[in-house]
Amino acid sequence: MAANRNLFFISFQVDRSIVESFVQGGRMAITSRVYPRVAVDNLANLYLFNNGTTPVTVRSVDVYHMTHVVMHPI
């Protein structure tokens, strides 16, 4: 089956201060630093928007919440 050039796979990884977006398994990546005051854990929201002129349809979204890292003194 030929690849659909209009079909994109996007995944998001969300940390307390970082949102990372990966398109096509990492062929394109965007990292944003965020500083939420209230939007923590279950109160956080992720919004998708299109600034382009061509309409898009989102079929599904995968969001991975990263766990906390435990730091041990050396």
PDB file of N, CA and C in Angstrom:
ATOM      1  N   MET A   1       0.850  -1.181   0.000  1.00  0.00           N
ATOM      2  CA  MET A   1       0.000   0.000   0.000  1.00  0.00           C
ATOM      3  C   MET A   1       0.891   1.237   0.000  1.00  0.00           C
ATOM      4  N   ALA A   2       0.603   2.203  -0.822  1.00  0.00           N
ATOM      5  CA  ALA A   2       1.399   3.427  -0.897  1.00  0.00           C
ATOM      6  C   ALA A   2       1.183   4.273   0.352  1.00  0.00           C
ATOM      7  N   ALA A   3       2.230   4.960   0.769  1.00  0.00           N
ATOM      8  CA  ALA A   3       2.135   5.829   1.942  1.00  0.00           C
ATOM      9  C   ALA A   3       1.269   7.036   1.620  1.00  0.00           C
ATOM     10  N   ASN A   4       0.453   7.430   2.575  1.00  0.00           N
ATOM     11  CA  ASN A   4      -0.394   8.608   2.425  1.00  0.00           C
ATOM     12  C   ASN A   4       0.400   9.813   2.908  1.00  0.00           C
ATOM     13  N   ARG A   5       0.741  10.723   1.994  1.00  0.00           N
ATOM     14  CA  ARG A   5       1.560  11.883   2.349  1.00  0.00           C
ATOM     15  C   ARG A   5       0.796  12.867   3.215  1.00  0.00           C
ATOM     16  N   ASN A   6      -0.502  12.724   3.330  1.00  0.00           N
ATOM     17  CA  ASN A   6      -1.301  13.626   4.143  1.00  0.00           C
ATOM     18  C   ASN A   6      -1.618  13.042   5.515  1.00  0.00           C
ATOM     19  N   LEU A   7      -1.065  11.873   5.829  1.00  0.00           N
ATOM     20  CA  LEU A   7      -1.323  11.227   7.116  1.00  0.00           C
ATOM     21  C   LEU A   7      -0.079  11.352   7.990  1.00  0.00           C
ATOM     22  N   PHE A   8      -0.225  11.952   9.152  1.00  0.00           N
ATOM     23  CA  PHE A   8       0.888  12.160  10.066  1.00  0.00           C
ATOM     24  C   PHE A   8       0.619  11.449  11.382  1.00  0.00           C
ATOM     25  N   PHE A   9       1.667  10.917  11.976  1.00  0.00           N
ATOM     26  CA  PHE A   9       1.594  10.305  13.295  1.00  0.00           C
ATOM     27  C   PHE A   9       2.337  11.216  14.262  1.00  0.00           C
ATOM     28  N   ILE A  10       1.639  11.675  15.277  1.00  0.00           N
ATOM     29  CA  ILE A  10       2.213  12.616  16.238  1.00  0.00           C
ATOM     30  C   ILE A  10       2.062  12.036  17.644  1.00  0.00           C
ATOM     31  N   SER A  11       3.128  12.082  18.424  1.00  0.00           N
ATOM     32  CA  SER A  11       3.033  11.679  19.831  1.00  0.00           C
ATOM     33  C   SER A  11       3.529  12.823  20.696  1.00  0.00           C
ATOM     34  N   PHE A  12       3.003  12.892  21.904  1.00  0.00           N
ATOM     35  CA  PHE A  12       3.339  13.959  22.844  1.00  0.00           C
ATOM     36  C   PHE A  12       3.861  13.343  24.132  1.00  0.00           C
ATOM     37  N   GLN A  13       4.910  13.936  24.664  1.00  0.00           N
ATOM     38  CA  GLN A  13       5.403  13.555  25.979  1.00  0.00           C
ATOM     39  C   GLN A  13       5.319  14.794  26.851  1.00  0.00           C
ATOM     40  N   VAL A  14       4.665  14.647  27.993  1.00  0.00           N
ATOM     41  CA  VAL A  14       4.384  15.794  28.855  1.00  0.00           C
ATOM     42  C   VAL A  14       5.049  15.586  30.209  1.00  0.00           C
ATOM     43  N   ASP A  15       5.845  16.545  30.621  1.00  0.00           N
ATOM     44  CA  ASP A  15       6.482  16.564  31.923  1.00  0.00           C
ATOM     45  C   ASP A  15       5.926  17.777  32.665  1.00  0.00           C
ATOM     46  N   ARG A  16       6.390  18.026  33.851  1.00  0.00           N
ATOM     47  CA  ARG A  16       5.883  19.179  34.601  1.00  0.00           C
ATOM     48  C   ARG A  16       6.224  20.504  33.935  1.00  0.00           C
ATOM     49  N   SER A  17       7.329  20.591  33.226  1.00  0.00           N
ATOM     50  CA  SER A  17       7.688  21.860  32.598  1.00  0.00           C
ATOM     51  C   SER A  17       8.086  21.710  31.119  1.00  0.00           C
ATOM     52  N   ILE A  18       7.917  20.536  30.542  1.00  0.00           N
ATOM     53  CA  ILE A  18       8.297  20.304  29.148  1.00  0.00           C
ATOM     54  C   ILE A  18       7.165  19.581  28.424  1.00  0.00           C
ATOM     55  N   VAL A  19       6.871  20.032  27.210  1.00  0.00           N
ATOM     56  CA  VAL A  19       5.966  19.313  26.315  1.00  0.00           C
ATOM     57  C   VAL A  19       6.767  19.038  25.047  1.00  0.00           C
ATOM     58  N   GLU A  20       6.902  17.759  24.686  1.00  0.00           N
ATOM     59  CA  GLU A  20       7.629  17.378  23.484  1.00  0.00           C
ATOM     60  C   GLU A  20       6.658  16.744  22.497  1.00  0.00           C
ATOM     61  N   SER A  21       6.760  17.162  21.253  1.00  0.00           N
ATOM     62  CA  SER A  21       5.909  16.636  20.185  1.00  0.00           C
ATOM     63  C   SER A  21       6.806  15.994  19.140  1.00  0.00           C
ATOM     64  N   PHE A  22       6.473  14.774  18.740  1.00  0.00           N
ATOM     65  CA  PHE A  22       7.248  14.033  17.749  1.00  0.00           C
ATOM     66  C   PHE A  22       6.339  13.670  16.584  1.00  0.00           C
ATOM     67  N   VAL A  23       6.746  14.043  15.373  1.00  0.00           N
ATOM     68  CA  VAL A  23       5.989  13.750  14.170  1.00  0.00           C
ATOM     69  C   VAL A  23       6.728  12.664  13.390  1.00  0.00           C
ATOM     70  N   GLN A  24       5.968  11.701  12.904  1.00  0.00           N
ATOM     71  CA  GLN A  24       6.505  10.608  12.095  1.00  0.00           C
ATOM     72  C   GLN A  24       7.670   9.903  12.800  1.00  0.00           C
ATOM     73  N   GLY A  25       7.496   9.573  14.074  1.00  0.00           N
ATOM     74  CA  GLY A  25       8.503   8.831  14.808  1.00  0.00           C
ATOM     75  C   GLY A  25       9.772   9.606  15.099  1.00  0.00           C
ATOM     76  N   GLY A  26       9.714  10.926  15.065  1.00  0.00           N
ATOM     77  CA  GLY A  26      10.873  11.747  15.379  1.00  0.00           C
ATOM     78  C   GLY A  26      11.496  12.452  14.188  1.00  0.00           C
ATOM     79  N   ARG A  27      10.907  12.323  13.007  1.00  0.00           N
ATOM     80  CA  ARG A  27      11.460  13.038  11.838  1.00  0.00           C
ATOM     81  C   ARG A  27      11.374  14.536  12.045  1.00  0.00           C
ATOM     82  N   MET A  28      10.396  14.972  12.819  1.00  0.00           N
ATOM     83  CA  MET A  28      10.283  16.361  13.222  1.00  0.00           C
ATOM     84  C   MET A  28       9.929  16.364  14.700  1.00  0.00           C
ATOM     85  N   ALA A  29      10.550  17.231  15.466  1.00  0.00           N
ATOM     86  CA  ALA A  29      10.268  17.295  16.897  1.00  0.00           C
ATOM     87  C   ALA A  29      10.192  18.751  17.341  1.00  0.00           C
ATOM     88  N   ILE A  30       9.298  19.008  18.280  1.00  0.00           N
ATOM     89  CA  ILE A  30       9.155  20.341  18.859  1.00  0.00           C
ATOM     90  C   ILE A  30       9.151  20.174  20.369  1.00  0.00           C
ATOM     91  N   THR A  31       9.965  20.957  21.039  1.00  0.00           N
ATOM     92  CA  THR A  31      10.017  20.945  22.496  1.00  0.00           C
ATOM     93  C   THR A  31       9.639  22.331  22.993  1.00  0.00           C
ATOM     94  N   SER A  32       8.728  22.369  23.956  1.00  0.00           N
ATOM     95  CA  SER A  32       8.303  23.639  24.542  1.00  0.00           C
ATOM     96  C   SER A  32       8.440  23.570  26.047  1.00  0.00           C
ATOM     97  N   ARG A  33       8.985  24.618  26.615  1.00  0.00           N
ATOM     98  CA  ARG A  33       9.087  24.737  28.067  1.00  0.00           C
ATOM     99  C   ARG A  33       7.841  25.476  28.542  1.00  0.00           C
ATOM    100  N   VAL A  34       7.158  24.932  29.518  1.00  0.00           N
ATOM    101  CA  VAL A  34       5.951  25.549  30.057  1.00  0.00           C
ATOM    102  C   VAL A  34       6.095  25.675  31.572  1.00  0.00           C
ATOM    103  N   TYR A  35       5.463  26.668  32.114  1.00  0.00           N
ATOM    104  CA  TYR A  35       5.511  26.896  33.559  1.00  0.00           C
ATOM    105  C   TYR A  35       4.086  27.035  34.100  1.00  0.00           C
ATOM    106  N   PRO A  36       3.393  25.910  34.240  1.00  0.00           N
ATOM    107  CA  PRO A  36       2.000  25.999  34.712  1.00  0.00           C
ATOM    108  C   PRO A  36       1.929  26.369  36.185  1.00  0.00           C
ATOM    109  N   ARG A  37       0.933  27.158  36.520  1.00  0.00           N
ATOM    110  CA  ARG A  37       0.705  27.491  37.925  1.00  0.00           C
ATOM    111  C   ARG A  37      -0.340  26.572  38.533  1.00  0.00           C
ATOM    112  N   VAL A  38      -1.369  26.291  37.754  1.00  0.00           N
ATOM    113  CA  VAL A  38      -2.461  25.470  38.262  1.00  0.00           C
ATOM    114  C   VAL A  38      -2.566  24.145  37.519  1.00  0.00           C
ATOM    115  N   ALA A  39      -2.154  24.105  36.267  1.00  0.00           N
ATOM    116  CA  ALA A  39      -2.341  22.930  35.417  1.00  0.00           C
ATOM    117  C   ALA A  39      -1.289  21.870  35.724  1.00  0.00           C
ATOM    118  N   VAL A  40      -1.505  21.120  36.771  1.00  0.00           N
ATOM    119  CA  VAL A  40      -0.577  20.073  37.176  1.00  0.00           C
ATOM    120  C   VAL A  40      -1.347  18.760  37.274  1.00  0.00           C
ATOM    121  N   ASP A  41      -0.718  17.686  36.814  1.00  0.00           N
ATOM    122  CA  ASP A  41      -1.296  16.344  36.842  1.00  0.00           C
ATOM    123  C   ASP A  41      -2.632  16.310  36.125  1.00  0.00           C
ATOM    124  N   ASN A  42      -3.707  15.912  36.789  1.00  0.00           N
ATOM    125  CA  ASN A  42      -5.011  15.748  36.130  1.00  0.00           C
ATOM    126  C   ASN A  42      -5.667  17.067  35.739  1.00  0.00           C
ATOM    127  N   LEU A  43      -5.134  18.193  36.212  1.00  0.00           N
ATOM    128  CA  LEU A  43      -5.706  19.488  35.855  1.00  0.00           C
ATOM    129  C   LEU A  43      -5.111  20.051  34.567  1.00  0.00           C
ATOM    130  N   ALA A  44      -4.118  19.378  33.995  1.00  0.00           N
ATOM    131  CA  ALA A  44      -3.458  19.857  32.779  1.00  0.00           C
ATOM    132  C   ALA A  44      -4.270  19.493  31.542  1.00  0.00           C
ATOM    133  N   ASN A  45      -4.181  20.329  30.526  1.00  0.00           N
ATOM    134  CA  ASN A  45      -4.848  20.102  29.248  1.00  0.00           C
ATOM    135  C   ASN A  45      -3.846  20.284  28.122  1.00  0.00           C
ATOM    136  N   LEU A  46      -4.050  19.568  27.034  1.00  0.00           N
ATOM    137  CA  LEU A  46      -3.243  19.714  25.832  1.00  0.00           C
ATOM    138  C   LEU A  46      -4.192  20.066  24.704  1.00  0.00           C
ATOM    139  N   TYR A  47      -3.906  21.157  24.000  1.00  0.00           N
ATOM    140  CA  TYR A  47      -4.760  21.609  22.915  1.00  0.00           C
ATOM    141  C   TYR A  47      -4.015  21.486  21.595  1.00  0.00           C
ATOM    142  N   LEU A  48      -4.687  21.007  20.579  1.00  0.00           N
ATOM    143  CA  LEU A  48      -4.136  20.939  19.229  1.00  0.00           C
ATOM    144  C   LEU A  48      -4.776  22.037  18.405  1.00  0.00           C
ATOM    145  N   PHE A  49      -3.961  22.733  17.622  1.00  0.00           N
ATOM    146  CA  PHE A  49      -4.506  23.775  16.767  1.00  0.00           C
ATOM    147  C   PHE A  49      -3.763  23.780  15.444  1.00  0.00           C
ATOM    148  N   ASN A  50      -4.396  24.330  14.446  1.00  0.00           N
ATOM    149  CA  ASN A  50      -3.861  24.362  13.094  1.00  0.00           C
ATOM    150  C   ASN A  50      -3.769  25.813  12.655  1.00  0.00           C
ATOM    151  N   ASN A  51      -2.556  26.316  12.453  1.00  0.00           N
ATOM    152  CA  ASN A  51      -2.361  27.680  11.969  1.00  0.00           C
ATOM    153  C   ASN A  51      -2.282  27.746  10.451  1.00  0.00           C
ATOM    154  N   GLY A  52      -2.414  26.608   9.807  1.00  0.00           N
ATOM    155  CA  GLY A  52      -2.306  26.570   8.347  1.00  0.00           C
ATOM    156  C   GLY A  52      -3.619  26.902   7.668  1.00  0.00           C
ATOM    157  N   THR A  53      -3.590  26.844   6.349  1.00  0.00           N
ATOM    158  CA  THR A  53      -4.785  27.153   5.555  1.00  0.00           C
ATOM    159  C   THR A  53      -5.504  25.901   5.076  1.00  0.00           C
ATOM    160  N   THR A  54      -4.879  24.732   5.266  1.00  0.00           N
ATOM    161  CA  THR A  54      -5.488  23.473   4.861  1.00  0.00           C
ATOM    162  C   THR A  54      -6.126  22.802   6.063  1.00  0.00           C
ATOM    163  N   PRO A  55      -7.397  22.441   5.991  1.00  0.00           N
ATOM    164  CA  PRO A  55      -8.039  21.764   7.124  1.00  0.00           C
ATOM    165  C   PRO A  55      -7.382  20.412   7.411  1.00  0.00           C
ATOM    166  N   VAL A  56      -7.350  20.035   8.658  1.00  0.00           N
ATOM    167  CA  VAL A  56      -6.814  18.735   9.066  1.00  0.00           C
ATOM    168  C   VAL A  56      -7.845  18.016   9.919  1.00  0.00           C
ATOM    169  N   THR A  57      -7.760  16.698   9.925  1.00  0.00           N
ATOM    170  CA  THR A  57      -8.614  15.869  10.765  1.00  0.00           C
ATOM    171  C   THR A  57      -7.717  15.059  11.686  1.00  0.00           C
ATOM    172  N   VAL A  58      -7.961  15.141  12.970  1.00  0.00           N
ATOM    173  CA  VAL A  58      -7.191  14.373  13.944  1.00  0.00           C
ATOM    174  C   VAL A  58      -7.966  13.092  14.220  1.00  0.00           C
ATOM    175  N   ARG A  59      -7.360  11.945  13.898  1.00  0.00           N
ATOM    176  CA  ARG A  59      -8.023  10.653  14.112  1.00  0.00           C
ATOM    177  C   ARG A  59      -7.845  10.151  15.536  1.00  0.00           C
ATOM    178  N   SER A  60      -6.647  10.348  16.067  1.00  0.00           N
ATOM    179  CA  SER A  60      -6.390   9.935  17.442  1.00  0.00           C
ATOM    180  C   SER A  60      -5.170  10.675  17.955  1.00  0.00           C
ATOM    181  N   VAL A  61      -5.027  10.733  19.264  1.00  0.00           N
ATOM    182  CA  VAL A  61      -3.905  11.405  19.906  1.00  0.00           C
ATOM    183  C   VAL A  61      -3.358  10.482  20.982  1.00  0.00           C
ATOM    184  N   ASP A  62      -2.046  10.302  21.000  1.00  0.00           N
ATOM    185  CA  ASP A  62      -1.374   9.558  22.065  1.00  0.00           C
ATOM    186  C   ASP A  62      -0.606  10.536  22.930  1.00  0.00           C
ATOM    187  N   VAL A  63      -0.860  10.536  24.216  1.00  0.00           N
ATOM    188  CA  VAL A  63      -0.157  11.402  25.158  1.00  0.00           C
ATOM    189  C   VAL A  63       0.471  10.520  26.214  1.00  0.00           C
ATOM    190  N   TYR A  64       1.770  10.697  26.430  1.00  0.00           N
ATOM    191  CA  TYR A  64       2.501   9.923  27.432  1.00  0.00           C
ATOM    192  C   TYR A  64       2.928  10.855  28.555  1.00  0.00           C
ATOM    193  N   HIS A  65       2.489  10.572  29.750  1.00  0.00           N
ATOM    194  CA  HIS A  65       2.877  11.353  30.919  1.00  0.00           C
ATOM    195  C   HIS A  65       4.129  10.719  31.509  1.00  0.00           C
ATOM    196  N   MET A  66       5.195  11.496  31.567  1.00  0.00           N
ATOM    197  CA  MET A  66       6.461  10.990  32.072  1.00  0.00           C
ATOM    198  C   MET A  66       6.423  10.930  33.604  1.00  0.00           C
ATOM    199  N   THR A  67       7.024   9.897  34.149  1.00  0.00           N
ATOM    200  CA  THR A  67       7.074   9.768  35.604  1.00  0.00           C
ATOM    201  C   THR A  67       8.217  10.596  36.158  1.00  0.00           C
ATOM    202  N   HIS A  68       8.201  10.765  37.456  1.00  0.00           N
ATOM    203  CA  HIS A  68       9.237  11.555  38.124  1.00  0.00           C
ATOM    204  C   HIS A  68      10.553  10.790  38.193  1.00  0.00           C
ATOM    205  N   VAL A  69      11.625  11.510  38.107  1.00  0.00           N
ATOM    206  CA  VAL A  69      12.943  10.925  38.224  1.00  0.00           C
ATOM    207  C   VAL A  69      13.375  11.016  39.681  1.00  0.00           C
ATOM    208  N   VAL A  70      13.885   9.916  40.196  1.00  0.00           N
ATOM    209  CA  VAL A  70      14.382   9.893  41.566  1.00  0.00           C
ATOM    210  C   VAL A  70      15.879  10.184  41.517  1.00  0.00           C
ATOM    211  N   MET A  71      16.302  11.244  42.165  1.00  0.00           N
ATOM    212  CA  MET A  71      17.707  11.630  42.187  1.00  0.00           C
ATOM    213  C   MET A  71      18.345  11.113  43.478  1.00  0.00           C
ATOM    214  N   HIS A  72      19.459  10.412  43.338  1.00  0.00           N
ATOM    215  CA  HIS A  72      20.204   9.896  44.488  1.00  0.00           C
ATOM    216  C   HIS A  72      21.528  10.658  44.584  1.00  0.00           C
ATOM    217  N   PRO A  73      21.909  11.116  45.764  1.00  0.00           N
ATOM    218  CA  PRO A  73      23.203  11.819  45.891  1.00  0.00           C
ATOM    219  C   PRO A  73      24.351  10.849  45.590  1.00  0.00           C
ATOM    220  N   ILE A  74      25.401  11.388  45.031  1.00  0.00           N
ATOM    221  CA  ILE A  74      26.570  10.575  44.685  1.00  0.00           C
ATOM    222  C   ILE A  74      27.499  10.486  45.882  1.00  0.00           C
TER     223      ILE A  74
END
